[in-house]
Amino acid sequence: MAHKRTIKLEQVVQAPIQLVYQAFTNSTGMREWMGDHVTLDARPGGRVYIWWNSGYYASGEFIRVEHEKELLFTWHGRGELRPTQVLVSFKPKRKSTLVRLIHRGLGAGAAWEKASVEFETAWRSSLENLASVLGSGPDLRITRRPMLGISLSDFSPEIAAKLGIPVTAGIRLDGVVQGMGAQAAGLQKDDVLVEFAGQPMLDFSSLAQAINGLKAGDVIPVTFYRGPEQHTVSLTLSGRPIPAIPASTLALAEELGKVYAGAESQMTVFLQGVTEQEAEAKPAPEEWSIKEVIAHLIHSERFWQQAISEIAGGQEAVYDGYSGNLEARNAATLKAFPSLAELDTQWRRLNTETVALLAALPLEFTQHKGSYWRLAYQCLNFPTHFFTHLDQMSAALQAARK
């Protein structure tokens, strides 16, 4: 009989056993430290499916489930010859939990040798992240991931034709962040990335896959179209600035309230003297008017409130990708709030509601350190969406006044 390899690892996690067990038996809990997309049903015969932005995925079935004691499930990853098994046990140790993981049934031969090394490396990294997420909060996949300093937007054959771009697959930039790698490389709004670090850019997930494994300071080639002209530049990946995470949801609400107040003040200044006709003028048939941008900000705030509720509730929706902005939503919102003043008031009310939602979250939510850290990190970064669209509204106003 051929020799079968077994990987054995241990990790001490500074968290109570119930939270550690939940991190292996709840889809949202596992996404916070392991896969990019996870769906599972932790019962004998229940499924487990994990997918990463790198393109690797694994599926399996729970064989044994002993509450807060032990889990046994099969594992069959992309390209692997046959299923293997993963056994995870949990042992309380005062204020911490000892996690023992055994990945067994790996076969002999060169292919399995390579797979064994990759499994051990991946499990070590994942268990280290589990300890960080549950022990102190930071997701090491975020804190160690480099930044490009870009914001993204829709790209379609219609947009390609309008911009004079001879391809219909790529990633269109909505803007670049001052002082970061994309700006330093000369990238601009409406550039369309078609290749990044040697990988073709087909959609948003292509970019996430290409960044996987890179680090701050790496210099990579980027090919893009600016109108009909193709260019290739070298881009130095920036480090990711990590904001200070407030200690409580009340403190987070107060901090976010200040950010929203700043955004609202800028909106007040911008809207002074803007007429209804100017706010309805489209710079071009495929571009948004000021009113349509504010409608989009309303939709974004509603979506963000739903995301906050899902993170705090521990049950998040999984999306296959980004489907773009549905124009029917803008039309419906403009029907409900036809004037500029009504749109502006609705947007501000939603901002107030978002801050109130954070302040009302139960105190015990912060005990889920990974969930709270992720929520706070996203909250403190989310308002930058407004400032990108403020530039868009300014351009629409300039076009209307020509």
Protein backbone atom coordinates (compact mmCIF):
# COMPACT_ATOMS: atom_id res chain seq x y z
CA MET A 1 0.00 0.00 0.00
CA ALA A 2 1.33 3.46 -0.90
CA HIS A 3 2.40 5.66 1.98
CA LYS A 4 -0.06 8.42 2.79
CA ARG A 5 1.08 11.78 4.14
CA THR A 6 -0.53 13.53 7.09
CA ILE A 7 -0.23 17.21 8.08
CA LYS A 8 -0.53 17.96 11.79
CA LEU A 9 -0.73 21.53 13.12
CA GLU A 10 -1.64 23.27 16.37
CA GLN A 11 -2.69 26.86 17.05
CA VAL A 12 -3.53 28.57 20.34
CA VAL A 13 -6.28 31.16 19.87
CA GLN A 14 -6.91 33.78 22.55
CA ALA A 15 -10.68 33.42 22.41
CA PRO A 16 -13.35 31.27 24.11
CA ILE A 17 -14.06 27.90 22.59
CA GLN A 18 -17.56 28.85 21.42
CA LEU A 19 -16.19 31.62 19.17
CA VAL A 20 -13.42 29.40 17.80
CA TYR A 21 -15.87 26.59 17.07
CA GLN A 22 -18.19 29.08 15.36
CA ALA A 23 -15.31 30.17 13.11
CA PHE A 24 -15.31 26.63 11.65
CA THR A 25 -19.08 26.06 11.55
CA ASN A 26 -20.54 29.38 10.36
CA SER A 27 -20.11 30.60 6.76
CA THR A 28 -19.45 34.22 7.76
CA GLY A 29 -17.19 33.11 10.59
CA MET A 30 -15.00 31.07 8.24
CA ARG A 31 -14.87 33.80 5.59
CA GLU A 32 -13.38 36.14 8.18
CA TRP A 33 -10.17 34.14 8.45
CA MET A 34 -10.00 31.63 5.62
CA GLY A 35 -11.82 31.63 2.27
CA ASP A 36 -12.99 34.58 0.21
CA HIS A 37 -16.36 32.85 -0.29
CA VAL A 38 -17.66 30.13 2.01
CA THR A 39 -20.91 28.24 2.32
CA LEU A 40 -21.36 25.38 4.76
CA ASP A 41 -23.89 23.39 6.75
CA ALA A 42 -22.17 21.96 9.81
CA ARG A 43 -24.06 18.69 10.37
CA PRO A 44 -23.28 15.12 9.35
CA GLY A 45 -23.89 14.96 5.61
CA GLY A 46 -23.87 18.77 5.36
CA ARG A 47 -21.84 20.57 2.68
CA VAL A 48 -18.72 22.69 2.89
CA TYR A 49 -17.57 24.80 -0.06
CA ILE A 50 -14.67 27.28 0.07
CA TRP A 51 -13.46 29.49 -2.78
CA TRP A 52 -10.48 31.86 -2.99
CA ASN A 53 -9.84 34.82 -5.29
CA SER A 54 -6.76 32.95 -6.50
CA GLY A 55 -9.11 30.58 -8.35
CA TYR A 56 -8.60 27.60 -6.03
CA TYR A 57 -11.68 26.05 -4.45
CA ALA A 58 -12.50 23.00 -2.36
CA SER A 59 -15.70 21.17 -1.58
CA GLY A 60 -16.54 18.48 0.91
CA GLU A 61 -19.01 16.99 3.35
CA PHE A 62 -19.14 16.91 7.14
CA ILE A 63 -18.72 13.37 8.42
CA ARG A 64 -18.65 14.00 12.17
CA VAL A 65 -19.78 17.07 14.14
CA GLU A 66 -19.30 17.11 17.92
CA HIS A 67 -20.31 20.49 19.32
CA GLU A 68 -17.26 22.49 20.49
CA LYS A 69 -15.18 19.31 20.49
CA GLU A 70 -14.40 17.94 17.03
CA LEU A 71 -15.16 18.26 13.32
CA LEU A 72 -14.34 15.83 10.53
CA PHE A 73 -15.01 16.73 6.89
CA THR A 74 -13.83 15.67 3.46
CA TRP A 75 -11.77 17.97 1.25
CA HIS A 76 -11.56 17.81 -2.54
CA GLY A 77 -9.77 20.81 -4.07
CA ARG A 78 -9.51 21.97 -7.64
CA GLY A 79 -7.23 19.70 -9.66
CA GLU A 80 -6.68 17.23 -6.80
CA LEU A 81 -6.75 13.51 -7.61
CA ARG A 82 -9.20 12.46 -4.93
CA PRO A 83 -10.76 13.65 -1.66
CA THR A 84 -8.78 13.85 1.56
CA GLN A 85 -9.99 14.45 5.13
CA VAL A 86 -9.61 17.29 7.63
CA LEU A 87 -9.99 16.61 11.35
CA VAL A 88 -10.23 19.63 13.69
CA SER A 89 -10.41 19.36 17.48
CA PHE A 90 -10.95 22.07 20.09
CA LYS A 91 -9.68 22.11 23.68
CA PRO A 92 -10.30 24.98 26.14
CA LYS A 93 -7.21 26.34 27.91
CA ARG A 94 -8.18 28.96 30.49
CA LYS A 95 -9.05 32.06 28.41
CA SER A 96 -7.83 30.52 25.16
CA THR A 97 -8.56 27.55 22.90
CA LEU A 98 -6.13 25.00 21.50
CA VAL A 99 -6.97 24.06 17.92
CA ARG A 100 -5.49 20.83 16.54
CA LEU A 101 -5.81 20.27 12.80
CA ILE A 102 -4.95 17.06 10.96
CA HIS A 103 -5.15 16.89 7.17
CA ARG A 104 -4.87 13.24 6.30
CA GLY A 105 -5.10 10.89 3.36
CA LEU A 106 -2.68 12.72 1.08
CA GLY A 107 -1.12 10.22 -1.30
CA ALA A 108 2.43 9.49 -2.48
CA GLY A 109 4.23 10.75 -5.57
CA ALA A 110 5.42 14.10 -6.90
CA ALA A 111 1.93 15.60 -7.32
CA TRP A 112 0.97 14.80 -3.73
CA GLU A 113 4.34 16.00 -2.46
CA LYS A 114 3.68 19.40 -4.04
CA ALA A 115 0.11 19.42 -2.71
CA SER A 116 1.33 18.57 0.81
CA VAL A 117 3.69 21.55 0.88
CA GLU A 118 0.93 23.86 -0.40
CA PHE A 119 -1.58 22.49 2.12
CA GLU A 120 0.76 22.94 5.07
CA THR A 121 1.71 26.47 4.02
CA ALA A 122 -1.93 27.44 3.50
CA TRP A 123 -3.16 25.89 6.75
CA ARG A 124 -0.37 27.56 8.77
CA SER A 125 -1.21 30.93 7.27
CA SER A 126 -4.94 30.44 7.80
CA LEU A 127 -4.57 29.34 11.43
CA GLU A 128 -2.29 32.30 12.09
CA ASN A 129 -5.02 34.54 10.69
CA LEU A 130 -7.63 32.76 12.80
CA ALA A 131 -5.60 33.62 15.91
CA SER A 132 -5.31 37.25 14.80
CA VAL A 133 -8.97 37.67 13.83
CA LEU A 134 -10.37 36.12 17.01
CA GLY A 135 -7.60 37.27 19.34
CA SER A 136 -7.25 40.95 18.43
CA GLY A 137 -9.36 41.56 15.32
CA PRO A 138 -7.14 42.40 12.30
CA ASP A 139 -7.53 40.24 9.21
CA LEU A 140 -3.93 39.65 8.11
CA ARG A 141 -5.11 39.17 4.52
CA ILE A 142 -6.12 42.85 4.60
CA THR A 143 -3.35 44.36 6.70
CA ARG A 144 -0.62 42.61 4.68
CA ARG A 145 -2.23 43.14 1.26
CA PRO A 146 -0.79 45.93 -0.90
CA MET A 147 -2.88 48.76 -2.34
CA LEU A 148 -3.07 50.15 -5.87
CA GLY A 149 -4.82 53.36 -4.90
CA ILE A 150 -7.70 53.12 -7.39
CA SER A 151 -11.48 53.16 -7.43
CA LEU A 152 -13.37 51.15 -10.04
CA SER A 153 -16.44 51.71 -12.18
CA ASP A 154 -18.63 50.04 -14.78
CA PHE A 155 -17.27 48.98 -18.16
CA SER A 156 -19.43 47.85 -21.06
CA PRO A 157 -19.31 47.82 -24.88
CA GLU A 158 -21.28 51.09 -24.84
CA ILE A 159 -18.79 52.76 -22.48
CA ALA A 160 -15.88 51.39 -24.52
CA ALA A 161 -17.35 52.92 -27.70
CA LYS A 162 -17.90 56.27 -25.99
CA LEU A 163 -14.31 56.38 -24.70
CA GLY A 164 -12.89 55.18 -28.01
CA ILE A 165 -11.40 52.05 -26.45
CA PRO A 166 -10.96 49.16 -28.91
CA VAL A 167 -11.64 46.37 -26.36
CA THR A 168 -14.74 45.45 -24.39
CA ALA A 169 -13.12 43.42 -21.58
CA GLY A 170 -11.18 45.22 -18.88
CA ILE A 171 -11.46 47.23 -15.66
CA ARG A 172 -12.30 50.94 -15.90
CA LEU A 173 -10.87 53.32 -13.32
CA ASP A 174 -13.24 55.73 -11.63
CA GLY A 175 -10.31 57.59 -10.08
CA VAL A 176 -6.96 57.28 -8.34
CA VAL A 177 -5.90 58.04 -4.76
CA GLN A 178 -3.49 60.88 -4.22
CA GLY A 179 0.01 59.78 -3.26
CA MET A 180 -0.43 56.09 -4.00
CA GLY A 181 1.05 53.78 -6.62
CA ALA A 182 -1.55 54.22 -9.38
CA GLN A 183 -1.26 58.00 -9.37
CA ALA A 184 2.54 57.83 -9.28
CA ALA A 185 2.44 55.52 -12.33
CA GLY A 186 0.35 58.07 -14.23
CA LEU A 187 -2.99 56.24 -14.26
CA GLN A 188 -6.11 58.39 -14.59
CA LYS A 189 -9.89 58.26 -14.46
CA ASP A 190 -11.39 56.29 -17.40
CA ASP A 191 -8.19 54.35 -18.08
CA VAL A 192 -9.10 50.70 -18.71
CA LEU A 193 -6.77 48.07 -17.29
CA VAL A 194 -6.36 45.06 -19.59
CA GLU A 195 -3.34 43.37 -18.02
CA PHE A 196 -1.93 43.48 -14.49
CA ALA A 197 1.25 41.69 -13.38
CA GLY A 198 1.07 39.54 -16.50
CA GLN A 199 -2.53 38.46 -15.98
CA PRO A 200 -5.43 39.55 -18.22
CA MET A 201 -8.04 41.76 -16.56
CA LEU A 202 -11.49 40.45 -17.44
CA ASP A 203 -13.46 41.64 -14.42
CA PHE A 204 -13.07 42.75 -10.80
CA SER A 205 -12.25 39.23 -9.60
CA SER A 206 -9.34 39.10 -12.08
CA LEU A 207 -7.70 41.99 -10.24
CA ALA A 208 -8.15 40.35 -6.84
CA GLN A 209 -6.60 37.17 -8.20
CA ALA A 210 -3.63 39.04 -9.70
CA ILE A 211 -2.86 40.85 -6.43
CA ASN A 212 -2.83 37.57 -4.49
CA GLY A 213 0.68 36.88 -3.19
CA LEU A 214 2.05 40.36 -3.98
CA LYS A 215 3.30 42.75 -1.29
CA ALA A 216 3.92 46.44 -0.76
CA GLY A 217 6.99 47.61 -2.64
CA ASP A 218 6.63 45.11 -5.49
CA VAL A 219 6.93 46.70 -8.93
CA ILE A 220 4.61 45.18 -11.52
CA PRO A 221 3.76 45.97 -15.18
CA VAL A 222 0.30 47.37 -15.92
CA THR A 223 -1.13 47.58 -19.44
CA PHE A 224 -4.11 49.85 -20.06
CA TYR A 225 -6.01 51.77 -22.71
CA ARG A 226 -6.45 55.52 -22.60
CA GLY A 227 -8.84 56.07 -25.45
CA PRO A 228 -7.58 54.15 -28.49
CA GLU A 229 -3.95 54.11 -27.30
CA GLN A 230 -2.45 51.20 -25.37
CA HIS A 231 0.19 51.93 -22.74
CA THR A 232 2.31 49.86 -20.35
CA VAL A 233 3.76 51.34 -17.16
CA SER A 234 5.53 50.08 -14.04
CA LEU A 235 3.48 50.44 -10.88
CA THR A 236 4.92 50.23 -7.36
CA LEU A 237 2.42 48.70 -4.95
CA SER A 238 1.71 50.88 -1.93
CA GLY A 239 1.39 49.82 1.67
CA ARG A 240 -2.13 49.69 3.06
CA PRO A 241 -2.92 52.46 5.58
CA ILE A 242 -4.81 50.92 8.51
CA PRO A 243 -7.01 53.34 10.48
CA ALA A 244 -7.10 53.27 14.26
CA ILE A 245 -10.08 51.10 15.19
CA PRO A 246 -12.31 52.69 17.88
CA ALA A 247 -12.78 50.63 21.02
CA SER A 248 -16.59 50.48 20.89
CA THR A 249 -19.48 50.80 18.47
CA LEU A 250 -20.43 54.10 20.12
CA ALA A 251 -16.94 55.45 19.50
CA LEU A 252 -17.09 54.12 15.93
CA ALA A 253 -20.44 55.84 15.37
CA GLU A 254 -19.01 59.10 16.70
CA GLU A 255 -15.96 58.84 14.42
CA LEU A 256 -18.03 58.01 11.36
CA GLY A 257 -20.43 60.82 12.21
CA LYS A 258 -17.56 63.27 11.91
CA VAL A 259 -16.66 61.89 8.49
CA TYR A 260 -20.25 62.16 7.29
CA ALA A 261 -20.48 65.70 8.64
CA GLY A 262 -17.47 66.64 6.55
CA ALA A 263 -19.03 65.07 3.45
CA GLU A 264 -22.32 66.85 4.06
CA SER A 265 -20.58 70.19 4.50
CA GLN A 266 -18.88 69.73 1.13
CA MET A 267 -22.21 68.78 -0.44
CA THR A 268 -23.77 71.96 0.97
CA VAL A 269 -21.04 74.10 -0.55
CA PHE A 270 -21.26 72.27 -3.88
CA LEU A 271 -25.04 72.57 -4.23
CA GLN A 272 -25.16 76.32 -3.60
CA GLY A 273 -26.55 77.96 -6.71
CA VAL A 274 -27.14 74.71 -8.59
CA THR A 275 -30.47 74.85 -10.42
CA GLU A 276 -32.85 71.96 -11.08
CA GLN A 277 -32.04 72.14 -14.77
CA GLU A 278 -28.29 72.00 -14.13
CA ALA A 279 -28.77 69.06 -11.74
CA GLU A 280 -30.69 67.15 -14.42
CA ALA A 281 -28.21 67.78 -17.25
CA LYS A 282 -26.22 64.77 -18.43
CA PRO A 283 -22.64 65.53 -19.59
CA ALA A 284 -23.16 62.78 -22.21
CA PRO A 285 -25.90 60.21 -22.91
CA GLU A 286 -24.10 57.46 -20.95
CA GLU A 287 -23.02 59.70 -18.04
CA TRP A 288 -24.92 60.55 -14.91
CA SER A 289 -26.43 63.90 -14.01
CA ILE A 290 -25.94 65.37 -10.55
CA LYS A 291 -29.35 64.04 -9.49
CA GLU A 292 -28.47 60.56 -10.71
CA VAL A 293 -25.21 60.62 -8.75
CA ILE A 294 -27.05 61.56 -5.56
CA ALA A 295 -29.58 58.77 -6.25
CA HIS A 296 -26.63 56.39 -6.50
CA LEU A 297 -25.27 57.68 -3.17
CA ILE A 298 -28.68 56.92 -1.64
CA HIS A 299 -28.58 53.37 -3.00
CA SER A 300 -25.02 52.91 -1.73
CA GLU A 301 -25.99 54.03 1.77
CA ARG A 302 -28.93 51.63 1.81
CA PHE A 303 -26.66 48.80 0.69
CA TRP A 304 -24.12 49.72 3.36
CA GLN A 305 -26.76 49.62 6.10
CA GLN A 306 -27.72 46.12 4.95
CA ALA A 307 -24.05 45.09 4.99
CA ILE A 308 -23.66 46.40 8.56
CA SER A 309 -26.71 44.43 9.65
CA GLU A 310 -25.39 41.25 8.04
CA ILE A 311 -21.90 41.55 9.56
CA ALA A 312 -23.32 42.29 13.01
CA GLY A 313 -25.81 39.44 12.66
CA GLY A 314 -23.19 36.93 11.54
CA GLN A 315 -25.03 35.95 8.35
CA GLU A 316 -23.79 37.61 5.17
CA ALA A 317 -24.97 37.28 1.60
CA VAL A 318 -22.53 35.89 -0.97
CA TYR A 319 -22.37 37.56 -4.38
CA ASP A 320 -20.94 36.01 -7.53
CA GLY A 321 -19.52 39.35 -8.65
CA TYR A 322 -20.39 42.96 -9.37
CA SER A 323 -23.35 43.32 -11.73
CA GLY A 324 -23.01 47.05 -12.32
CA ASN A 325 -25.44 49.84 -11.50
CA LEU A 326 -29.05 49.28 -12.51
CA GLU A 327 -30.36 52.43 -14.20
CA ALA A 328 -33.92 51.50 -13.23
CA ARG A 329 -32.99 52.16 -9.60
CA ASN A 330 -31.93 55.71 -10.42
CA ALA A 331 -35.18 56.25 -12.32
CA ALA A 332 -37.25 54.93 -9.42
CA THR A 333 -35.46 57.06 -6.84
CA LEU A 334 -35.79 60.18 -8.99
CA LYS A 335 -39.52 59.43 -9.26
CA ALA A 336 -39.80 59.28 -5.46
CA PHE A 337 -37.52 62.28 -4.82
CA PRO A 338 -37.77 64.46 -7.94
CA SER A 339 -36.22 67.68 -6.65
CA LEU A 340 -32.59 68.32 -5.77
CA ALA A 341 -33.57 69.31 -2.23
CA GLU A 342 -35.53 66.08 -1.70
CA LEU A 343 -32.63 63.94 -2.92
CA ASP A 344 -30.14 65.78 -0.73
CA THR A 345 -32.41 65.48 2.32
CA GLN A 346 -32.93 61.75 1.77
CA TRP A 347 -29.18 61.14 1.45
CA ARG A 348 -28.50 63.04 4.70
CA ARG A 349 -31.24 61.14 6.53
CA LEU A 350 -29.66 57.85 5.47
CA ASN A 351 -26.27 59.06 6.72
CA THR A 352 -27.88 59.84 10.08
CA GLU A 353 -29.53 56.41 10.08
CA THR A 354 -26.21 54.66 9.40
CA VAL A 355 -24.54 56.40 12.35
CA ALA A 356 -27.54 55.59 14.57
CA LEU A 357 -27.41 51.94 13.48
CA LEU A 358 -23.78 51.65 14.56
CA ALA A 359 -24.50 53.32 17.89
CA ALA A 360 -27.40 50.91 18.53
CA LEU A 361 -25.42 47.71 17.92
CA PRO A 362 -25.26 45.55 21.06
CA LEU A 363 -22.14 45.84 23.19
CA GLU A 364 -21.49 42.10 22.97
CA PHE A 365 -20.91 42.44 19.23
CA THR A 366 -17.45 43.86 19.94
CA GLN A 367 -16.55 40.54 21.59
CA HIS A 368 -16.54 39.10 18.07
CA LYS A 369 -13.27 40.89 17.46
CA GLY A 370 -12.79 39.84 13.86
CA SER A 371 -16.32 40.87 12.86
CA TYR A 372 -16.07 44.17 14.70
CA TRP A 373 -12.62 44.96 13.31
CA ARG A 374 -13.80 44.24 9.77
CA LEU A 375 -16.94 46.33 10.21
CA ALA A 376 -14.99 49.26 11.65
CA TYR A 377 -12.33 49.04 8.95
CA GLN A 378 -14.96 49.09 6.21
CA CYS A 379 -16.94 51.89 7.89
CA LEU A 380 -13.92 54.17 8.09
CA ASN A 381 -13.09 53.52 4.42
CA PHE A 382 -16.61 53.55 2.97
CA PRO A 383 -17.15 57.38 2.92
CA THR A 384 -14.33 57.80 0.38
CA HIS A 385 -16.97 56.64 -2.09
CA PHE A 386 -18.67 60.02 -1.67
CA PHE A 387 -15.57 62.03 -2.46
CA THR A 388 -15.04 60.12 -5.71
CA HIS A 389 -18.58 61.00 -6.78
CA LEU A 390 -18.20 64.62 -5.68
CA ASP A 391 -15.61 64.98 -8.44
CA GLN A 392 -18.08 63.36 -10.84
CA MET A 393 -20.81 65.84 -9.88
CA SER A 394 -18.39 68.75 -10.28
CA ALA A 395 -17.58 67.61 -13.82
CA ALA A 396 -21.32 67.29 -14.60
CA LEU A 397 -21.94 70.83 -13.34
CA GLN A 398 -19.09 72.25 -15.42
CA ALA A 399 -20.53 70.55 -18.50
CA ALA A 400 -24.00 71.91 -17.75
CA ARG A 401 -22.72 75.49 -17.45
CA LYS A 402 -20.74 75.51 -20.67
